[in-house]
């Protein structure tokens, strides 16, 4: 079990309180699909993902990006039981979708970049430290079924 300080909890809530889920979600998933094109194989039903412009314009990428960021709300609201919160999603991604668990880290890196871009100078090193700890807990929980 992860121990959270009051400052870390406040930092995570501050980050979520400032997020524009639609903008950050879309930018995050699009960045992941563009920078790491092999991740596109998990989105075969999304249609044309052949260029950065088509990825950015794809409404399914936009919608799924928002879903992903909203999915992190579950972890924020259940910080003391993140593994249990994501147990079903871990099984889904492992057994049905067959997602390479390293892709969770890649997506998390893209998300961090977009959060930093949205928050600018207010994304201080201590906020980032709390965010990275939180994100690592989520990534570990999503990859739990693989071990």
C-alpha atoms as a PDB file:
ATOM      1  CA  UNK A   1       0.000   0.000   0.000  1.00  0.00           C
ATOM      2  CA  UNK A   2       1.234   3.456  -0.884  1.00  0.00           C
ATOM      3  CA  UNK A   3       1.430   6.103   1.788  1.00  0.00           C
ATOM      4  CA  UNK A   4       0.247   9.567   0.755  1.00  0.00           C
ATOM      5  CA  UNK A   5       1.127  12.764   2.560  1.00  0.00           C
ATOM      6  CA  UNK A   6      -1.452  15.508   2.891  1.00  0.00           C
ATOM      7  CA  UNK A   7       0.685  17.597   0.532  1.00  0.00           C
ATOM      8  CA  UNK A   8       0.687  14.867  -2.120  1.00  0.00           C
ATOM      9  CA  UNK A   9      -3.072  14.449  -1.880  1.00  0.00           C
ATOM     10  CA  UNK A  10      -3.519  18.200  -2.197  1.00  0.00           C
ATOM     11  CA  UNK A  11      -1.174  18.298  -5.202  1.00  0.00           C
ATOM     12  CA  UNK A  12      -3.083  15.566  -7.038  1.00  0.00           C
ATOM     13  CA  UNK A  13      -6.389  17.303  -6.343  1.00  0.00           C
ATOM     14  CA  UNK A  14      -4.907  20.606  -7.517  1.00  0.00           C
ATOM     15  CA  UNK A  15      -3.797  19.049 -10.800  1.00  0.00           C
ATOM     16  CA  UNK A  16      -7.173  17.458 -11.446  1.00  0.00           C
ATOM     17  CA  UNK A  17      -8.918  20.668 -10.484  1.00  0.00           C
ATOM     18  CA  UNK A  18      -7.086  22.546 -13.213  1.00  0.00           C
ATOM     19  CA  UNK A  19      -7.371  19.977 -15.989  1.00  0.00           C
ATOM     20  CA  UNK A  20      -9.433  20.547 -19.070  1.00  0.00           C
ATOM     21  CA  UNK A  21     -10.191  16.859 -19.563  1.00  0.00           C
ATOM     22  CA  UNK A  22     -11.307  17.183 -23.180  1.00  0.00           C
ATOM     23  CA  UNK A  23      -8.257  19.148 -24.290  1.00  0.00           C
ATOM     24  CA  UNK A  24      -5.662  17.196 -22.293  1.00  0.00           C
ATOM     25  CA  UNK A  25      -7.233  13.827 -23.049  1.00  0.00           C
ATOM     26  CA  UNK A  26      -7.342  14.425 -26.791  1.00  0.00           C
ATOM     27  CA  UNK A  27      -3.828  15.877 -26.897  1.00  0.00           C
ATOM     28  CA  UNK A  28      -2.475  12.996 -24.805  1.00  0.00           C
ATOM     29  CA  UNK A  29      -3.905  10.143 -26.843  1.00  0.00           C
ATOM     30  CA  UNK A  30      -3.087  11.894 -30.127  1.00  0.00           C
ATOM     31  CA  UNK A  31       0.517  12.494 -28.997  1.00  0.00           C
ATOM     32  CA  UNK A  32       0.859   8.853 -27.993  1.00  0.00           C
ATOM     33  CA  UNK A  33      -0.469   7.626 -31.359  1.00  0.00           C
ATOM     34  CA  UNK A  34       1.796  10.008 -33.280  1.00  0.00           C
ATOM     35  CA  UNK A  35       5.009   9.632 -31.274  1.00  0.00           C
ATOM     36  CA  UNK A  36       4.606   5.881 -30.720  1.00  0.00           C
ATOM     37  CA  UNK A  37       2.839   4.719 -33.906  1.00  0.00           C
ATOM     38  CA  UNK A  38       2.884   1.041 -32.880  1.00  0.00           C
ATOM     39  CA  UNK A  39       0.261   1.918 -30.253  1.00  0.00           C
ATOM     40  CA  UNK A  40      -2.200   2.507 -33.111  1.00  0.00           C
ATOM     41  CA  UNK A  41      -2.763  -1.252 -33.357  1.00  0.00           C
ATOM     42  CA  UNK A  42      -5.031  -1.056 -30.298  1.00  0.00           C
ATOM     43  CA  UNK A  43      -7.283   1.461 -32.052  1.00  0.00           C
ATOM     44  CA  UNK A  44      -7.978  -0.364 -35.310  1.00  0.00           C
ATOM     45  CA  UNK A  45     -11.644   0.568 -35.186  1.00  0.00           C
ATOM     46  CA  UNK A  46     -10.855   4.284 -35.152  1.00  0.00           C
ATOM     47  CA  UNK A  47     -10.471   4.564 -38.919  1.00  0.00           C
ATOM     48  CA  UNK A  48      -7.826   6.719 -40.552  1.00  0.00           C
ATOM     49  CA  UNK A  49      -4.792   7.161 -38.297  1.00  0.00           C
ATOM     50  CA  UNK A  50      -2.279   7.513 -41.132  1.00  0.00           C
ATOM     51  CA  UNK A  51      -0.889  10.952 -40.384  1.00  0.00           C
ATOM     52  CA  UNK A  52      -0.633  13.385 -37.489  1.00  0.00           C
ATOM     53  CA  UNK A  53      -3.330  15.559 -39.090  1.00  0.00           C
ATOM     54  CA  UNK A  54      -5.806  12.695 -39.399  1.00  0.00           C
ATOM     55  CA  UNK A  55      -5.085  11.548 -35.846  1.00  0.00           C
ATOM     56  CA  UNK A  56      -5.647  15.056 -34.479  1.00  0.00           C
ATOM     57  CA  UNK A  57      -8.901  15.399 -36.451  1.00  0.00           C
ATOM     58  CA  UNK A  58     -10.252  11.968 -35.524  1.00  0.00           C
ATOM     59  CA  UNK A  59     -13.344  12.301 -33.298  1.00  0.00           C
ATOM     60  CA  UNK A  60     -12.834   8.824 -31.825  1.00  0.00           C
ATOM     61  CA  UNK A  61      -9.328   9.782 -30.675  1.00  0.00           C
ATOM     62  CA  UNK A  62     -10.809  12.899 -29.082  1.00  0.00           C
ATOM     63  CA  UNK A  63     -13.551  10.934 -27.309  1.00  0.00           C
ATOM     64  CA  UNK A  64     -11.277   8.123 -26.098  1.00  0.00           C
ATOM     65  CA  UNK A  65      -8.720  10.608 -24.800  1.00  0.00           C
ATOM     66  CA  UNK A  66     -11.400  12.184 -22.648  1.00  0.00           C
ATOM     67  CA  UNK A  67     -12.474   8.749 -21.394  1.00  0.00           C
ATOM     68  CA  UNK A  68      -8.889   7.935 -20.421  1.00  0.00           C
ATOM     69  CA  UNK A  69      -8.412  11.110 -18.385  1.00  0.00           C
ATOM     70  CA  UNK A  70     -11.815  10.711 -16.724  1.00  0.00           C
ATOM     71  CA  UNK A  71     -10.775   7.163 -15.861  1.00  0.00           C
ATOM     72  CA  UNK A  72      -8.010   8.608 -13.728  1.00  0.00           C
ATOM     73  CA  UNK A  73     -10.677  10.237 -11.567  1.00  0.00           C
ATOM     74  CA  UNK A  74     -11.322   6.795 -10.139  1.00  0.00           C
ATOM     75  CA  UNK A  75      -7.756   6.618  -8.863  1.00  0.00           C
ATOM     76  CA  UNK A  76      -7.873  10.158  -7.503  1.00  0.00           C
ATOM     77  CA  UNK A  77     -11.066   9.369  -5.590  1.00  0.00           C
ATOM     78  CA  UNK A  78      -9.630   6.064  -4.333  1.00  0.00           C
ATOM     79  CA  UNK A  79      -5.987   6.898  -3.683  1.00  0.00           C
ATOM     80  CA  UNK A  80      -5.755   4.423  -0.822  1.00  0.00           C
ATOM     81  CA  UNK A  81      -6.940   1.497  -2.953  1.00  0.00           C
ATOM     82  CA  UNK A  82      -5.792   2.146  -6.500  1.00  0.00           C
ATOM     83  CA  UNK A  83      -4.919  -1.510  -7.198  1.00  0.00           C
ATOM     84  CA  UNK A  84      -8.396  -2.655  -6.257  1.00  0.00           C
ATOM     85  CA  UNK A  85      -9.966   0.211  -8.188  1.00  0.00           C
ATOM     86  CA  UNK A  86      -8.239  -0.841 -11.407  1.00  0.00           C
ATOM     87  CA  UNK A  87      -8.420  -4.635 -10.987  1.00  0.00           C
ATOM     88  CA  UNK A  88     -11.122  -5.075 -13.655  1.00  0.00           C
ATOM     89  CA  UNK A  89      -9.392  -2.717 -16.095  1.00  0.00           C
ATOM     90  CA  UNK A  90      -6.145  -4.627 -15.617  1.00  0.00           C
ATOM     91  CA  UNK A  91      -7.883  -7.878 -16.554  1.00  0.00           C
ATOM     92  CA  UNK A  92      -9.580  -6.227 -19.547  1.00  0.00           C
ATOM     93  CA  UNK A  93      -6.352  -4.755 -20.909  1.00  0.00           C
ATOM     94  CA  UNK A  94      -4.399  -7.960 -20.298  1.00  0.00           C
ATOM     95  CA  UNK A  95      -6.791 -10.737 -21.266  1.00  0.00           C
ATOM     96  CA  UNK A  96      -9.152  -9.171 -23.791  1.00  0.00           C
ATOM     97  CA  UNK A  97      -7.323  -6.236 -25.373  1.00  0.00           C
ATOM     98  CA  UNK A  98      -3.805  -7.716 -25.035  1.00  0.00           C
ATOM     99  CA  UNK A  99      -2.241  -4.299 -24.488  1.00  0.00           C
ATOM    100  CA  UNK A 100       1.499  -4.291 -23.958  1.00  0.00           C
ATOM    101  CA  UNK A 101       1.801  -2.947 -20.386  1.00  0.00           C
ATOM    102  CA  UNK A 102       4.704  -0.683 -21.373  1.00  0.00           C
ATOM    103  CA  UNK A 103       2.154   1.357 -23.329  1.00  0.00           C
ATOM    104  CA  UNK A 104       0.624   2.524 -20.039  1.00  0.00           C
ATOM    105  CA  UNK A 105       3.938   4.202 -19.241  1.00  0.00           C
ATOM    106  CA  UNK A 106       4.155   5.749 -22.714  1.00  0.00           C
ATOM    107  CA  UNK A 107       0.641   7.139 -22.386  1.00  0.00           C
ATOM    108  CA  UNK A 108       1.466   8.398 -18.892  1.00  0.00           C
ATOM    109  CA  UNK A 109       4.519  10.221 -20.230  1.00  0.00           C
ATOM    110  CA  UNK A 110       2.366  11.872 -22.911  1.00  0.00           C
ATOM    111  CA  UNK A 111      -0.186  12.833 -20.268  1.00  0.00           C
ATOM    112  CA  UNK A 112       2.481  14.399 -18.066  1.00  0.00           C
ATOM    113  CA  UNK A 113       3.783  16.450 -21.004  1.00  0.00           C
ATOM    114  CA  UNK A 114       0.291  17.754 -21.737  1.00  0.00           C
ATOM    115  CA  UNK A 115      -0.470  18.526 -18.105  1.00  0.00           C
ATOM    116  CA  UNK A 116       2.796  20.463 -17.879  1.00  0.00           C
ATOM    117  CA  UNK A 117       1.915  22.348 -21.054  1.00  0.00           C
ATOM    118  CA  UNK A 118      -1.565  23.203 -19.773  1.00  0.00           C
ATOM    119  CA  UNK A 119      -0.435  24.208 -16.284  1.00  0.00           C
ATOM    120  CA  UNK A 120       2.752  26.001 -17.305  1.00  0.00           C
ATOM    121  CA  UNK A 121       4.838  27.382 -14.456  1.00  0.00           C
ATOM    122  CA  UNK A 122       2.266  26.232 -11.898  1.00  0.00           C
ATOM    123  CA  UNK A 123       3.342  22.629 -12.596  1.00  0.00           C
ATOM    124  CA  UNK A 124       6.134  22.902 -10.047  1.00  0.00           C
ATOM    125  CA  UNK A 125       8.654  20.153  -9.271  1.00  0.00           C
ATOM    126  CA  UNK A 126       6.784  19.171  -6.088  1.00  0.00           C
ATOM    127  CA  UNK A 127       3.500  18.948  -8.002  1.00  0.00           C
ATOM    128  CA  UNK A 128       5.243  16.845 -10.617  1.00  0.00           C
ATOM    129  CA  UNK A 129       6.763  14.583  -7.952  1.00  0.00           C
ATOM    130  CA  UNK A 130       3.327  13.893  -6.468  1.00  0.00           C
ATOM    131  CA  UNK A 131       1.895  13.413  -9.978  1.00  0.00           C
ATOM    132  CA  UNK A 132       4.633  10.950 -10.955  1.00  0.00           C
ATOM    133  CA  UNK A 133       4.028   8.937  -7.780  1.00  0.00           C
ATOM    134  CA  UNK A 134       0.290   8.889  -8.469  1.00  0.00           C
ATOM    135  CA  UNK A 135       0.765   7.961 -12.114  1.00  0.00           C
ATOM    136  CA  UNK A 136       3.191   5.168 -11.236  1.00  0.00           C
ATOM    137  CA  UNK A 137       0.592   3.712  -8.860  1.00  0.00           C
ATOM    138  CA  UNK A 138      -2.001   3.756 -11.653  1.00  0.00           C
ATOM    139  CA  UNK A 139       0.406   2.214 -14.173  1.00  0.00           C
ATOM    140  CA  UNK A 140       1.379  -0.507 -11.705  1.00  0.00           C
ATOM    141  CA  UNK A 141      -2.279  -1.240 -10.965  1.00  0.00           C
ATOM    142  CA  UNK A 142      -3.156  -1.463 -14.669  1.00  0.00           C
ATOM    143  CA  UNK A 143      -0.227  -3.799 -15.259  1.00  0.00           C
ATOM    144  CA  UNK A 144      -0.916  -5.946 -12.216  1.00  0.00           C
ATOM    145  CA  UNK A 145      -2.717  -8.697 -14.161  1.00  0.00           C
ATOM    146  CA  UNK A 146       0.364  -9.229 -16.313  1.00  0.00           C
ATOM    147  CA  UNK A 147       2.526 -10.401 -13.409  1.00  0.00           C
END
